[in-house]
Amino acid sequence: MHLDMKLPFFRGKDKIVFPIVRVDDRLLHGQVIVGWGQTLGLHPVLLVSDRIGKDSELAATFRQLVPEELRGDIVTVAEAAELWTRGDFKDARPLLVVETPVDALKMVRLGAPMKVLTIGGLHFREGRDEILPYVFLSDWDRTTLRELAGLGVRIQCQDLPASKPILYED
């Protein structure tokens, strides 16, 4: 049995929407693999990145981080959009991790029917303003999120599944 039935996030109007698309500039790390993937029994766990998808050595390193039961892989943005539009996620509990909001926007522009985008970790960098302890946004991030919202994507901030999602409003 998966733990999601016991987490407050999954009650009432806040039911989980698959695939989970998470923006995290740290990519695959313990909070993603254990906190999300293993806790919720998600699979596949895909790192969606053109940068890493085109670097075979880096992709191989990231593949090793994902436990076998999560069926992890590295795919490009176009490959992720194709899998999604083809229906490959229909009977699964996928987690797609993107490095930036721009990657999520690219997937939507390629036809992925994204309903929810979860900002799980955009950390401090020069030129970013803090909106939550784990979310710092640049003007470019805000512009991208505004465009996604305009395309009907609900944007929420949530670091862990047990945390209540916070609706992002520009």
C-alpha atoms as a PDB file:
ATOM      1  CA  MET A   1       0.000   0.000   0.000  1.00  0.00           C
ATOM      2  CA  HIS A   2       1.280   3.455  -0.865  1.00  0.00           C
ATOM      3  CA  LEU A   3       1.437   6.135   1.797  1.00  0.00           C
ATOM      4  CA  ASP A   4      -0.405   8.759  -0.254  1.00  0.00           C
ATOM      5  CA  MET A   5      -3.735   7.853   1.355  1.00  0.00           C
ATOM      6  CA  LYS A   6      -2.371   9.091   4.700  1.00  0.00           C
ATOM      7  CA  LEU A   7      -0.927  12.390   3.516  1.00  0.00           C
ATOM      8  CA  PRO A   8      -3.004  15.558   3.955  1.00  0.00           C
ATOM      9  CA  PHE A   9      -2.121  16.705   0.422  1.00  0.00           C
ATOM     10  CA  PHE A  10      -4.273  13.988  -1.093  1.00  0.00           C
ATOM     11  CA  ARG A  11      -7.581  14.820   0.544  1.00  0.00           C
ATOM     12  CA  GLY A  12     -10.483  16.654  -1.016  1.00  0.00           C
ATOM     13  CA  LYS A  13      -9.804  19.106  -3.808  1.00  0.00           C
ATOM     14  CA  ASP A  14      -6.031  18.599  -3.624  1.00  0.00           C
ATOM     15  CA  LYS A  15      -5.992  15.113  -5.190  1.00  0.00           C
ATOM     16  CA  ILE A  16      -2.804  14.230  -6.965  1.00  0.00           C
ATOM     17  CA  VAL A  17      -2.640  14.764 -10.713  1.00  0.00           C
ATOM     18  CA  PHE A  18      -0.369  12.501 -12.743  1.00  0.00           C
ATOM     19  CA  PRO A  19       2.139  12.881 -14.054  1.00  0.00           C
ATOM     20  CA  ILE A  20       3.618  14.965 -11.289  1.00  0.00           C
ATOM     21  CA  VAL A  21       5.826  17.566 -12.946  1.00  0.00           C
ATOM     22  CA  ARG A  22       8.320  18.995 -10.466  1.00  0.00           C
ATOM     23  CA  VAL A  23      10.714  21.883 -11.039  1.00  0.00           C
ATOM     24  CA  ASP A  24      13.886  21.298  -9.047  1.00  0.00           C
ATOM     25  CA  ASP A  25      17.208  22.893  -9.899  1.00  0.00           C
ATOM     26  CA  ARG A  26      19.017  20.180  -7.892  1.00  0.00           C
ATOM     27  CA  LEU A  27      17.468  17.579 -10.216  1.00  0.00           C
ATOM     28  CA  LEU A  28      17.540  14.082  -8.706  1.00  0.00           C
ATOM     29  CA  HIS A  29      18.449  13.974  -5.020  1.00  0.00           C
ATOM     30  CA  GLY A  30      17.186  12.381  -1.807  1.00  0.00           C
ATOM     31  CA  GLN A  31      14.108  14.569  -1.430  1.00  0.00           C
ATOM     32  CA  VAL A  32      12.986  13.637  -4.945  1.00  0.00           C
ATOM     33  CA  ILE A  33      13.941   9.944  -4.894  1.00  0.00           C
ATOM     34  CA  VAL A  34      12.940   9.063  -1.335  1.00  0.00           C
ATOM     35  CA  GLY A  35      10.554  11.866  -0.351  1.00  0.00           C
ATOM     36  CA  TRP A  36       8.496  11.717  -3.523  1.00  0.00           C
ATOM     37  CA  GLY A  37       9.399   8.643  -5.555  1.00  0.00           C
ATOM     38  CA  GLN A  38       9.634   5.936  -2.929  1.00  0.00           C
ATOM     39  CA  THR A  39       7.109   7.390  -0.473  1.00  0.00           C
ATOM     40  CA  LEU A  40       4.403   7.629  -3.132  1.00  0.00           C
ATOM     41  CA  GLY A  41       5.426   4.586  -5.167  1.00  0.00           C
ATOM     42  CA  LEU A  42       5.989   6.680  -8.271  1.00  0.00           C
ATOM     43  CA  HIS A  43       7.218   5.206 -11.529  1.00  0.00           C
ATOM     44  CA  PRO A  44       8.706   6.016 -13.818  1.00  0.00           C
ATOM     45  CA  VAL A  45      10.814   8.805 -12.349  1.00  0.00           C
ATOM     46  CA  LEU A  46      12.116  10.737 -15.333  1.00  0.00           C
ATOM     47  CA  LEU A  47      14.683  13.494 -15.368  1.00  0.00           C
ATOM     48  CA  VAL A  48      13.555  15.682 -18.267  1.00  0.00           C
ATOM     49  CA  SER A  49      16.532  17.662 -19.526  1.00  0.00           C
ATOM     50  CA  ASP A  50      17.900  18.474 -22.949  1.00  0.00           C
ATOM     51  CA  ARG A  51      21.240  19.363 -21.366  1.00  0.00           C
ATOM     52  CA  ILE A  52      21.659  16.050 -19.544  1.00  0.00           C
ATOM     53  CA  GLY A  53      19.824  13.971 -22.148  1.00  0.00           C
ATOM     54  CA  LYS A  54      22.446  14.935 -24.737  1.00  0.00           C
ATOM     55  CA  ASP A  55      25.413  14.129 -22.461  1.00  0.00           C
ATOM     56  CA  SER A  56      25.675  10.330 -22.282  1.00  0.00           C
ATOM     57  CA  GLU A  57      28.174  10.272 -19.396  1.00  0.00           C
ATOM     58  CA  LEU A  58      26.171  12.682 -17.242  1.00  0.00           C
ATOM     59  CA  ALA A  59      22.933  10.855 -18.084  1.00  0.00           C
ATOM     60  CA  ALA A  60      24.494   7.535 -17.025  1.00  0.00           C
ATOM     61  CA  THR A  61      25.510   9.079 -13.699  1.00  0.00           C
ATOM     62  CA  PHE A  62      21.986  10.338 -13.024  1.00  0.00           C
ATOM     63  CA  ARG A  63      20.438   6.988 -14.016  1.00  0.00           C
ATOM     64  CA  GLN A  64      22.454   5.337 -11.260  1.00  0.00           C
ATOM     65  CA  LEU A  65      20.785   7.565  -8.648  1.00  0.00           C
ATOM     66  CA  VAL A  66      17.323   6.125  -9.218  1.00  0.00           C
ATOM     67  CA  PRO A  67      16.446   2.814  -7.525  1.00  0.00           C
ATOM     68  CA  GLU A  68      15.388   0.099  -9.960  1.00  0.00           C
ATOM     69  CA  GLU A  69      11.776  -0.052  -8.706  1.00  0.00           C
ATOM     70  CA  LEU A  70      11.248   3.589  -9.712  1.00  0.00           C
ATOM     71  CA  ARG A  71      12.232   2.759 -13.312  1.00  0.00           C
ATOM     72  CA  GLY A  72      14.206   5.961 -13.717  1.00  0.00           C
ATOM     73  CA  ASP A  73      15.515   7.369 -16.934  1.00  0.00           C
ATOM     74  CA  ILE A  74      16.796  10.551 -18.533  1.00  0.00           C
ATOM     75  CA  VAL A  75      14.817  11.948 -21.458  1.00  0.00           C
ATOM     76  CA  THR A  76      14.863  15.132 -23.473  1.00  0.00           C
ATOM     77  CA  VAL A  77      11.981  17.598 -23.293  1.00  0.00           C
ATOM     78  CA  ALA A  78      10.732  16.446 -26.711  1.00  0.00           C
ATOM     79  CA  GLU A  79      10.909  12.779 -25.675  1.00  0.00           C
ATOM     80  CA  ALA A  80       8.933  13.487 -22.485  1.00  0.00           C
ATOM     81  CA  ALA A  81       6.267  15.390 -24.422  1.00  0.00           C
ATOM     82  CA  GLU A  82       6.019  12.529 -26.913  1.00  0.00           C
ATOM     83  CA  LEU A  83       5.660   9.897 -24.178  1.00  0.00           C
ATOM     84  CA  TRP A  84       2.956  12.000 -22.553  1.00  0.00           C
ATOM     85  CA  THR A  85       0.944  12.755 -25.691  1.00  0.00           C
ATOM     86  CA  ARG A  86       1.253   9.140 -26.849  1.00  0.00           C
ATOM     87  CA  GLY A  87      -0.414   8.015 -23.610  1.00  0.00           C
ATOM     88  CA  ASP A  88       2.538   6.215 -22.052  1.00  0.00           C
ATOM     89  CA  PHE A  89       1.739   7.719 -18.626  1.00  0.00           C
ATOM     90  CA  LYS A  90      -1.934   6.761 -18.630  1.00  0.00           C
ATOM     91  CA  ASP A  91      -1.748   3.779 -16.270  1.00  0.00           C
ATOM     92  CA  ALA A  92       1.355   4.849 -14.359  1.00  0.00           C
ATOM     93  CA  ARG A  93       2.267   7.144 -11.472  1.00  0.00           C
ATOM     94  CA  PRO A  94       5.031   9.145 -13.153  1.00  0.00           C
ATOM     95  CA  LEU A  95       7.207  11.881 -11.741  1.00  0.00           C
ATOM     96  CA  LEU A  96       8.857  14.171 -14.275  1.00  0.00           C
ATOM     97  CA  VAL A  97      11.616  16.371 -12.869  1.00  0.00           C
ATOM     98  CA  VAL A  98      12.630  19.461 -14.839  1.00  0.00           C
ATOM     99  CA  GLU A  99      15.436  21.853 -14.001  1.00  0.00           C
ATOM    100  CA  THR A 100      13.628  25.079 -14.880  1.00  0.00           C
ATOM    101  CA  PRO A 101      10.121  26.375 -15.576  1.00  0.00           C
ATOM    102  CA  VAL A 102      11.227  26.865 -19.195  1.00  0.00           C
ATOM    103  CA  ASP A 103      11.523  23.092 -19.640  1.00  0.00           C
ATOM    104  CA  ALA A 104       7.937  22.696 -18.416  1.00  0.00           C
ATOM    105  CA  LEU A 105       6.789  25.379 -20.858  1.00  0.00           C
ATOM    106  CA  LYS A 106       8.611  23.631 -23.715  1.00  0.00           C
ATOM    107  CA  MET A 107       6.759  20.392 -22.900  1.00  0.00           C
ATOM    108  CA  VAL A 108       3.411  22.201 -22.988  1.00  0.00           C
ATOM    109  CA  ARG A 109       4.302  23.867 -26.291  1.00  0.00           C
ATOM    110  CA  LEU A 110       5.127  20.409 -27.667  1.00  0.00           C
ATOM    111  CA  GLY A 111       1.628  19.210 -26.787  1.00  0.00           C
ATOM    112  CA  ALA A 112       1.970  17.757 -23.288  1.00  0.00           C
ATOM    113  CA  PRO A 113      -1.417  18.297 -21.579  1.00  0.00           C
ATOM    114  CA  MET A 114       0.047  19.565 -18.303  1.00  0.00           C
ATOM    115  CA  LYS A 115      -2.549  20.518 -15.711  1.00  0.00           C
ATOM    116  CA  VAL A 116      -0.335  21.116 -12.657  1.00  0.00           C
ATOM    117  CA  LEU A 117       3.277  22.225 -12.247  1.00  0.00           C
ATOM    118  CA  THR A 118       4.887  21.815  -8.834  1.00  0.00           C
ATOM    119  CA  ILE A 119       7.786  24.062  -7.928  1.00  0.00           C
ATOM    120  CA  GLY A 120       9.763  21.928  -5.529  1.00  0.00           C
ATOM    121  CA  GLY A 121      13.083  23.708  -5.385  1.00  0.00           C
ATOM    122  CA  LEU A 122      14.506  26.758  -7.115  1.00  0.00           C
ATOM    123  CA  HIS A 123      17.278  27.882  -4.850  1.00  0.00           C
ATOM    124  CA  PHE A 124      19.080  31.145  -4.267  1.00  0.00           C
ATOM    125  CA  ARG A 125      21.087  32.600  -7.101  1.00  0.00           C
ATOM    126  CA  GLU A 126      21.991  36.157  -7.903  1.00  0.00           C
ATOM    127  CA  GLY A 127      19.020  37.937  -9.443  1.00  0.00           C
ATOM    128  CA  ARG A 128      16.376  35.735  -7.816  1.00  0.00           C
ATOM    129  CA  ASP A 129      13.938  36.859  -5.134  1.00  0.00           C
ATOM    130  CA  GLU A 130      12.753  34.605  -2.326  1.00  0.00           C
ATOM    131  CA  ILE A 131       9.055  33.777  -2.314  1.00  0.00           C
ATOM    132  CA  LEU A 132       9.412  30.715  -0.040  1.00  0.00           C
ATOM    133  CA  PRO A 133      12.456  29.250   1.714  1.00  0.00           C
ATOM    134  CA  TYR A 134      12.850  26.763  -1.150  1.00  0.00           C
ATOM    135  CA  VAL A 135      11.652  28.953  -4.036  1.00  0.00           C
ATOM    136  CA  PHE A 136      13.640  31.876  -5.425  1.00  0.00           C
ATOM    137  CA  LEU A 137      12.428  33.311  -8.726  1.00  0.00           C
ATOM    138  CA  SER A 138      14.035  35.488 -11.376  1.00  0.00           C
ATOM    139  CA  ASP A 139      12.076  37.817 -13.640  1.00  0.00           C
ATOM    140  CA  TRP A 140      12.495  35.203 -16.384  1.00  0.00           C
ATOM    141  CA  ASP A 141      11.023  32.501 -14.119  1.00  0.00           C
ATOM    142  CA  ARG A 142       8.035  34.743 -13.346  1.00  0.00           C
ATOM    143  CA  THR A 143       7.455  35.462 -17.035  1.00  0.00           C
ATOM    144  CA  THR A 144       7.584  31.751 -17.840  1.00  0.00           C
ATOM    145  CA  LEU A 145       5.217  30.862 -14.985  1.00  0.00           C
ATOM    146  CA  ARG A 146       2.825  33.592 -16.106  1.00  0.00           C
ATOM    147  CA  GLU A 147       2.791  32.093 -19.596  1.00  0.00           C
ATOM    148  CA  LEU A 148       2.181  28.591 -18.223  1.00  0.00           C
ATOM    149  CA  ALA A 149      -0.694  29.888 -16.089  1.00  0.00           C
ATOM    150  CA  GLY A 150      -2.113  31.597 -19.164  1.00  0.00           C
ATOM    151  CA  LEU A 151      -2.098  28.217 -20.891  1.00  0.00           C
ATOM    152  CA  GLY A 152      -4.213  26.754 -18.089  1.00  0.00           C
ATOM    153  CA  VAL A 153      -1.481  25.192 -15.949  1.00  0.00           C
ATOM    154  CA  ARG A 154      -2.052  25.366 -12.183  1.00  0.00           C
ATOM    155  CA  ILE A 155       1.231  26.284 -10.521  1.00  0.00           C
ATOM    156  CA  GLN A 156       1.891  25.293  -6.953  1.00  0.00           C
ATOM    157  CA  CYS A 157       4.867  25.253  -4.625  1.00  0.00           C
ATOM    158  CA  GLN A 158       5.483  22.135  -2.553  1.00  0.00           C
ATOM    159  CA  ASP A 159       8.759  20.755  -1.267  1.00  0.00           C
ATOM    160  CA  LEU A 160       7.503  17.391   0.060  1.00  0.00           C
ATOM    161  CA  PRO A 161       4.312  15.390  -0.460  1.00  0.00           C
ATOM    162  CA  ALA A 162       3.349  15.803   3.224  1.00  0.00           C
ATOM    163  CA  SER A 163       3.523  19.607   2.891  1.00  0.00           C
ATOM    164  CA  LYS A 164       0.403  21.452   1.864  1.00  0.00           C
ATOM    165  CA  PRO A 165       0.785  22.837  -1.659  1.00  0.00           C
ATOM    166  CA  ILE A 166       0.835  26.621  -1.900  1.00  0.00           C
ATOM    167  CA  LEU A 167      -0.814  28.060  -4.978  1.00  0.00           C
ATOM    168  CA  TYR A 168       1.580  30.302  -6.898  1.00  0.00           C
ATOM    169  CA  GLU A 169       0.141  33.637  -7.901  1.00  0.00           C
ATOM    170  CA  ASP A 170       2.355  36.076  -9.759  1.00  0.00           C
END
